[in-house]
Amino acid sequence: MATVRKTITLTEQQDAWIATQIADGHYTNDSEAIRDLIRREQQRSLEIETIRQALLEGELSGEPEAFDFAAFKQHKIAQYG
C-alpha cells in the first residue's frame, strides 16, 4: 500500500501519550500509533453506521406490534420442552 507523508501538530499531552504508548511497547513509532488510531476510528465509524442503518430499517418497517411475552415463553417451552 502506498504511503503519503503528512505533517501533523499535536498538543504536548497528545505527544506525551504517544511517547508513553511507544515506551510501553504498544507501538514502535509515532506513525504506527497514529495509523492504528485512524484504523480504530474507521472501524468505529463503520460500526456506528451499521447501527444507524439497522435503526432506520426498523423505523421504516412499520408500526410496532404488541408482543405477548407469556405466549412466546409458552411457545418456546412447548417447542423445546
C-alpha atoms as a PDB file:
ATOM      1  CA  MET A   1       0.000   0.000   0.000  1.00  0.00           C
ATOM      2  CA  ALA A   2       1.342   3.412  -0.937  1.00  0.00           C
ATOM      3  CA  THR A   3       2.017   5.860   1.843  1.00  0.00           C
ATOM      4  CA  VAL A   4       1.694   9.627   1.963  1.00  0.00           C
ATOM      5  CA  ARG A   5       3.869  11.773   4.205  1.00  0.00           C
ATOM      6  CA  LYS A   6       1.892  14.178   6.414  1.00  0.00           C
ATOM      7  CA  THR A   7       2.889  16.769   8.947  1.00  0.00           C
ATOM      8  CA  ILE A   8       0.610  16.999  11.960  1.00  0.00           C
ATOM      9  CA  THR A   9       0.520  19.137  15.064  1.00  0.00           C
ATOM     10  CA  LEU A  10      -0.168  17.619  18.472  1.00  0.00           C
ATOM     11  CA  THR A  11      -0.588  19.068  21.909  1.00  0.00           C
ATOM     12  CA  GLU A  12       2.113  18.280  24.449  1.00  0.00           C
ATOM     13  CA  GLN A  13      -0.349  15.976  26.204  1.00  0.00           C
ATOM     14  CA  GLN A  14      -1.087  14.051  22.993  1.00  0.00           C
ATOM     15  CA  ASP A  15       2.622  13.774  22.196  1.00  0.00           C
ATOM     16  CA  ALA A  16       3.330  12.513  25.719  1.00  0.00           C
ATOM     17  CA  TRP A  17       0.560   9.922  25.410  1.00  0.00           C
ATOM     18  CA  ILE A  18       2.013   8.616  22.140  1.00  0.00           C
ATOM     19  CA  ALA A  19       5.504   8.557  23.651  1.00  0.00           C
ATOM     20  CA  THR A  20       4.179   6.533  26.587  1.00  0.00           C
ATOM     21  CA  GLN A  21       2.494   4.069  24.227  1.00  0.00           C
ATOM     22  CA  ILE A  22       5.788   3.613  22.378  1.00  0.00           C
ATOM     23  CA  ALA A  23       7.772   3.294  25.625  1.00  0.00           C
ATOM     24  CA  ASP A  24       5.301   0.661  26.844  1.00  0.00           C
ATOM     25  CA  GLY A  25       5.894  -1.348  23.671  1.00  0.00           C
ATOM     26  CA  HIS A  26       2.446  -0.892  22.118  1.00  0.00           C
ATOM     27  CA  TYR A  27       3.917   0.776  19.025  1.00  0.00           C
ATOM     28  CA  THR A  28       7.366   1.137  17.522  1.00  0.00           C
ATOM     29  CA  ASN A  29       6.999   4.753  16.384  1.00  0.00           C
ATOM     30  CA  ASP A  30       4.639   7.746  16.173  1.00  0.00           C
ATOM     31  CA  SER A  31       3.375   6.874  12.704  1.00  0.00           C
ATOM     32  CA  GLU A  32       2.379   3.365  13.728  1.00  0.00           C
ATOM     33  CA  ALA A  33       0.434   4.724  16.706  1.00  0.00           C
ATOM     34  CA  ILE A  34      -1.399   7.319  14.627  1.00  0.00           C
ATOM     35  CA  ARG A  35      -2.203   4.828  11.850  1.00  0.00           C
ATOM     36  CA  ASP A  36      -3.646   2.455  14.461  1.00  0.00           C
ATOM     37  CA  LEU A  37      -5.813   5.238  15.884  1.00  0.00           C
ATOM     38  CA  ILE A  38      -7.093   6.024  12.383  1.00  0.00           C
ATOM     39  CA  ARG A  39      -7.882   2.342  11.726  1.00  0.00           C
ATOM     40  CA  ARG A  40      -9.768   2.123  15.023  1.00  0.00           C
ATOM     41  CA  GLU A  41     -11.796   5.239  14.192  1.00  0.00           C
ATOM     42  CA  GLN A  42     -12.586   3.875  10.740  1.00  0.00           C
ATOM     43  CA  GLN A  43     -13.852   0.628  12.298  1.00  0.00           C
ATOM     44  CA  ARG A  44     -15.843   2.522  14.949  1.00  0.00           C
ATOM     45  CA  SER A  45     -17.420   4.729  12.267  1.00  0.00           C
ATOM     46  CA  LEU A  46     -18.378   1.657  10.235  1.00  0.00           C
ATOM     47  CA  GLU A  47     -19.988   0.043  13.292  1.00  0.00           C
ATOM     48  CA  ILE A  48     -21.929   3.227  14.087  1.00  0.00           C
ATOM     49  CA  GLU A  49     -23.150   3.487  10.502  1.00  0.00           C
ATOM     50  CA  THR A  50     -24.247  -0.179  10.567  1.00  0.00           C
ATOM     51  CA  ILE A  51     -26.278   0.513  13.711  1.00  0.00           C
ATOM     52  CA  ARG A  52     -27.789   3.659  12.169  1.00  0.00           C
ATOM     53  CA  GLN A  53     -28.838   1.692   9.100  1.00  0.00           C
ATOM     54  CA  ALA A  54     -30.424  -1.025  11.242  1.00  0.00           C
ATOM     55  CA  LEU A  55     -32.322   1.588  13.260  1.00  0.00           C
ATOM     56  CA  LEU A  56     -33.529   3.271  10.081  1.00  0.00           C
ATOM     57  CA  GLU A  57     -34.615  -0.091   8.660  1.00  0.00           C
ATOM     58  CA  GLY A  58     -36.523  -0.773  11.865  1.00  0.00           C
ATOM     59  CA  GLU A  59     -38.232   2.618  11.769  1.00  0.00           C
ATOM     60  CA  LEU A  60     -39.263   2.092   8.159  1.00  0.00           C
ATOM     61  CA  SER A  61     -40.546  -1.451   8.763  1.00  0.00           C
ATOM     62  CA  GLY A  62     -43.916  -0.227  10.002  1.00  0.00           C
ATOM     63  CA  GLU A  63     -45.798   0.310  13.184  1.00  0.00           C
ATOM     64  CA  PRO A  64     -44.753  -1.745  16.198  1.00  0.00           C
ATOM     65  CA  GLU A  65     -46.906  -4.688  17.149  1.00  0.00           C
ATOM     66  CA  ALA A  66     -47.817  -5.776  20.657  1.00  0.00           C
ATOM     67  CA  PHE A  67     -45.655  -8.601  21.985  1.00  0.00           C
ATOM     68  CA  ASP A  68     -47.131 -11.202  24.290  1.00  0.00           C
ATOM     69  CA  PHE A  69     -44.133 -12.438  26.249  1.00  0.00           C
ATOM     70  CA  ALA A  70     -46.155 -15.062  28.150  1.00  0.00           C
ATOM     71  CA  ALA A  71     -47.382 -16.619  24.886  1.00  0.00           C
ATOM     72  CA  PHE A  72     -43.849 -16.505  23.457  1.00  0.00           C
ATOM     73  CA  LYS A  73     -42.478 -18.222  26.552  1.00  0.00           C
ATOM     74  CA  GLN A  74     -45.177 -20.931  26.420  1.00  0.00           C
ATOM     75  CA  HIS A  75     -44.449 -21.490  22.730  1.00  0.00           C
ATOM     76  CA  LYS A  76     -40.728 -21.979  23.456  1.00  0.00           C
ATOM     77  CA  ILE A  77     -41.441 -24.329  26.352  1.00  0.00           C
ATOM     78  CA  ALA A  78     -43.689 -26.394  24.101  1.00  0.00           C
ATOM     79  CA  GLN A  79     -41.112 -26.300  21.314  1.00  0.00           C
ATOM     80  CA  TYR A  80     -38.066 -27.268  23.380  1.00  0.00           C
ATOM     81  CA  GLY A  81     -39.680 -28.923  26.385  1.00  0.00           C
END
